[in-house]
Protein backbone atom coordinates (compact mmCIF):
# COMPACT_ATOMS: atom_id res chain seq x y z
CA UNK A 1 5.40 -40.03 30.19
CA UNK A 2 4.41 -40.19 26.53
CA UNK A 3 1.59 -37.69 27.08
CA UNK A 4 3.98 -35.35 28.88
CA UNK A 5 6.45 -35.39 25.95
CA UNK A 6 3.65 -34.79 23.45
CA UNK A 7 2.41 -31.79 25.42
CA UNK A 8 5.95 -30.43 25.65
CA UNK A 9 6.33 -30.66 21.86
CA UNK A 10 2.94 -28.95 21.33
CA UNK A 11 3.96 -26.08 23.63
CA UNK A 12 7.17 -25.62 21.67
CA UNK A 13 5.24 -25.51 18.41
CA UNK A 14 2.83 -22.91 19.81
CA UNK A 15 5.75 -20.67 20.76
CA UNK A 16 7.16 -20.73 17.25
CA UNK A 17 3.73 -20.37 15.62
CA UNK A 18 3.49 -16.80 16.92
CA UNK A 19 6.60 -15.83 14.94
CA UNK A 20 5.49 -16.84 11.43
CA UNK A 21 5.73 -13.94 8.97
CA UNK A 22 4.83 -13.38 5.35
CA UNK A 23 7.20 -11.65 2.97
CA UNK A 24 7.60 -7.84 2.95
CA UNK A 25 5.57 -5.88 0.38
CA UNK A 26 7.23 -3.64 -2.23
CA UNK A 27 4.98 -1.31 -4.24
CA UNK A 28 6.16 0.58 -7.32
CA UNK A 29 3.41 2.23 -9.41
CA UNK A 30 5.74 2.61 -12.41
CA UNK A 31 5.79 -1.18 -12.79
CA UNK A 32 2.72 -2.54 -10.98
CA UNK A 33 -0.07 -0.07 -11.73
CA UNK A 34 -1.59 -2.52 -14.23
CA UNK A 35 -3.58 -4.72 -13.98
CA UNK A 36 -6.20 -3.08 -11.80
CA UNK A 37 -7.22 -6.26 -10.01
CA UNK A 38 -5.71 -5.16 -6.69
CA UNK A 39 -5.08 -1.44 -7.16
CA UNK A 40 -7.40 1.48 -7.76
CA UNK A 41 -6.47 5.14 -8.04
CA UNK A 42 -8.07 8.49 -8.71
CA UNK A 43 -7.53 12.19 -9.23
CA UNK A 44 -9.67 13.53 -6.38
CA UNK A 45 -8.04 15.68 -3.70
CA UNK A 46 -10.66 15.76 -0.95
CA UNK A 47 -10.26 13.15 1.80
CA UNK A 48 -14.06 12.88 2.11
CA UNK A 49 -14.46 12.24 -1.63
CA UNK A 50 -11.70 9.62 -1.57
CA UNK A 51 -13.36 7.93 1.44
CA UNK A 52 -16.59 7.66 -0.56
CA UNK A 53 -14.80 6.22 -3.59
CA UNK A 54 -12.89 3.55 -1.66
CA UNK A 55 -15.79 2.56 0.64
CA UNK A 56 -17.10 -0.19 -1.69
CA UNK A 57 -13.63 -1.78 -1.72
CA UNK A 58 -12.58 -1.53 1.93
CA UNK A 59 -15.88 -2.61 3.54
CA UNK A 60 -15.67 -2.30 7.33
CA UNK A 61 -12.00 -1.29 7.34
CA UNK A 62 -11.27 1.96 9.15
CA UNK A 63 -8.30 4.27 9.33
CA UNK A 64 -5.88 2.95 11.98
CA UNK A 65 -2.60 4.68 11.06
CA UNK A 66 -1.71 7.76 9.05
CA UNK A 67 1.71 9.38 8.55
CA UNK A 68 1.83 12.88 7.10
CA UNK A 69 5.05 13.98 5.42
CA UNK A 70 6.52 16.74 7.56
CA UNK A 71 3.74 16.26 10.09
CA UNK A 72 2.48 13.93 12.77
CA UNK A 73 1.40 10.31 12.86
CA UNK A 74 -2.27 9.73 13.66
CA UNK A 75 -4.77 6.95 14.35
CA UNK A 76 -5.37 4.29 16.98
CA UNK A 77 -2.12 2.50 16.09
CA UNK A 78 0.06 5.61 15.61
CA UNK A 79 2.69 4.34 18.05
CA UNK A 80 2.84 0.82 16.57
CA UNK A 81 4.08 1.85 13.11
CA UNK A 82 6.77 4.20 11.79
CA UNK A 83 7.06 5.75 8.33
CA UNK A 84 10.32 7.11 6.96
CA UNK A 85 9.94 9.22 3.81
CA UNK A 86 12.91 9.38 1.44
CA UNK A 87 14.24 10.23 -2.00
CA UNK A 88 14.38 13.97 -1.36
CA UNK A 89 13.99 16.03 1.78
CA UNK A 90 11.18 18.17 0.36
CA UNK A 91 9.37 16.00 -2.23
CA UNK A 92 9.62 12.35 -1.19
CA UNK A 93 8.62 9.70 -3.69
CA UNK A 94 9.72 6.75 -1.55
CA UNK A 95 8.71 5.62 1.94
CA UNK A 96 9.27 2.73 4.32
CA UNK A 97 6.47 1.69 6.70
CA UNK A 98 7.54 -0.61 9.52
CA UNK A 99 5.81 -2.24 12.48
CA UNK A 100 7.36 -1.31 15.83
CA UNK A 101 5.54 -3.88 17.95
CA UNK A 102 2.25 -4.12 19.77
CA UNK A 103 -1.10 -4.55 18.04
CA UNK A 104 -1.06 -4.71 14.27
CA UNK A 105 -3.48 -4.20 11.41
CA UNK A 106 -5.23 -7.30 10.13
CA UNK A 107 -6.69 -9.58 9.03
CA UNK A 108 -8.11 -6.94 6.62
CA UNK A 109 -5.59 -4.32 5.47
CA UNK A 110 -5.53 -1.56 2.85
CA UNK A 111 -3.03 1.21 2.05
CA UNK A 112 -3.69 4.67 0.62
CA UNK A 113 -0.72 6.59 -0.80
CA UNK A 114 -1.65 10.20 -1.58
CA UNK A 115 -0.20 13.33 -3.15
CA UNK A 116 -1.84 16.67 -3.78
CA UNK A 117 -0.69 17.55 -7.28
CA UNK A 118 0.10 14.43 -9.31
CA UNK A 119 -2.09 12.43 -11.68
CA UNK A 120 -3.31 10.09 -10.36
CA UNK A 121 -3.61 11.82 -7.00
CA UNK A 122 -3.88 8.68 -4.86
CA UNK A 123 -3.53 4.90 -4.93
CA UNK A 124 -5.38 2.26 -2.91
CA UNK A 125 -3.69 -1.12 -2.43
CA UNK A 126 -5.30 -4.28 -1.04
CA UNK A 127 -2.51 -5.38 1.31
CA UNK A 128 -4.43 -8.49 2.38
CA UNK A 129 -4.45 -9.79 -1.19
CA UNK A 130 -0.73 -9.06 -1.40
CA UNK A 131 -0.06 -11.31 1.60
CA UNK A 132 0.72 -8.59 4.16
CA UNK A 133 -0.11 -9.71 7.71
CA UNK A 134 0.38 -6.40 9.50
CA UNK A 135 3.97 -6.73 10.70
CA UNK A 136 6.14 -6.90 7.59
CA UNK A 137 7.87 -3.83 6.15
CA UNK A 138 6.12 -2.03 3.29
CA UNK A 139 8.46 -0.38 0.78
CA UNK A 140 7.07 2.35 -1.47
CA UNK A 141 9.21 3.53 -4.36
CA UNK A 142 8.84 5.77 -7.41
CA UNK A 143 5.48 7.26 -6.43
CA UNK A 144 4.20 10.27 -8.34
CA UNK A 145 7.03 10.51 -10.84
CA UNK A 146 6.27 10.98 -14.54
CA UNK A 147 3.27 8.75 -15.11
CA UNK A 148 3.29 6.73 -18.36
CA UNK A 149 -0.51 6.39 -18.25
CA UNK A 150 -1.18 10.11 -18.55
CA UNK A 151 0.11 13.07 -20.49
CA UNK A 152 0.75 14.89 -17.21
CA UNK A 153 4.49 14.58 -16.57
CA UNK A 154 4.68 17.05 -13.71
CA UNK A 155 5.03 14.29 -11.15
CA UNK A 156 4.62 15.01 -7.49
CA UNK A 157 5.50 13.57 -4.11
CA UNK A 158 3.95 11.58 -1.27
CA UNK A 159 1.94 13.82 1.06
CA UNK A 160 0.78 11.01 3.35
CA UNK A 161 0.31 7.27 3.70
CA UNK A 162 -2.62 5.67 5.50
CA UNK A 163 -3.24 2.13 6.68
CA UNK A 164 -6.87 1.09 6.92
CA UNK A 165 -8.15 -2.21 8.20
CA UNK A 166 -9.37 -4.22 11.13
CA UNK A 167 -7.54 -5.43 14.18
CA UNK A 168 -7.65 -8.82 15.82
CA UNK A 169 -6.12 -9.81 19.14
CA UNK A 170 -2.81 -11.57 18.61
CA UNK A 171 -1.63 -14.06 21.25
CA UNK A 172 1.50 -12.80 22.96
CA UNK A 173 4.43 -15.12 23.69
CA UNK A 174 3.86 -14.75 27.45
CA UNK A 175 0.26 -15.87 27.05
CA UNK A 176 1.38 -18.89 25.04
CA UNK A 177 3.95 -19.77 27.72
CA UNK A 178 1.27 -19.58 30.42
CA UNK A 179 -1.01 -21.80 28.33
CA UNK A 180 1.82 -24.28 27.81
CA UNK A 181 2.63 -24.34 31.53
CA UNK A 182 -1.01 -25.09 32.26
CA UNK A 183 -0.98 -28.01 29.83
CA UNK A 184 2.18 -29.41 31.40
CA UNK A 185 0.63 -29.03 34.85
CA UNK A 186 -2.47 -30.92 33.73
CA UNK A 187 -0.35 -33.70 32.28
CA UNK A 188 1.61 -33.97 35.54
CA UNK A 189 -1.60 -34.04 37.59
CA UNK A 190 -3.06 -36.75 35.35
CA UNK A 191 0.10 -38.83 35.67
CA UNK A 192 0.05 -38.50 39.48
CA UNK A 193 -3.65 -39.37 39.56
CA UNK A 194 -3.03 -42.56 37.51
CA UNK A 195 -0.45 -43.79 40.04
């Protein structure tokens, strides 16, 4: 009976373990651009050039989700995330990236926020170092407004956001329930066998 109760408690803990979340991430380049320990940026416009520049940082991470302002969402996980651009209807400087369910990015995760006219032209954030686990909301605010680090005060707007990373299988609640039922069945069989 004691073993049965212990297994029941373990199954309950496994169910709740799948619902642990880190805190949401808020990024604001007007306040967090320095220090450069977890952010890099640049003035290059070409996607291929940017890929070459970020390669030493992102390692084996690959593009899994991309949302283009006024365009489509792309990537292997395009239907698992949603991006809502805001601030203005034509030149958004804010965005909200949320996880809609299904597979998520992680354990390695990076974010590129890009414009086409501002200085700097793009930012790369190490989301893993910021504690993002792939399911929490990412809030972007004040991107490509007058930049205090440059003399270029033209500003700009977000043209697209891109999540790069790796994916790992995440146990689903149904799988954990099946595993728990198996453990309970084994405990019951053992108890019957002892008698």
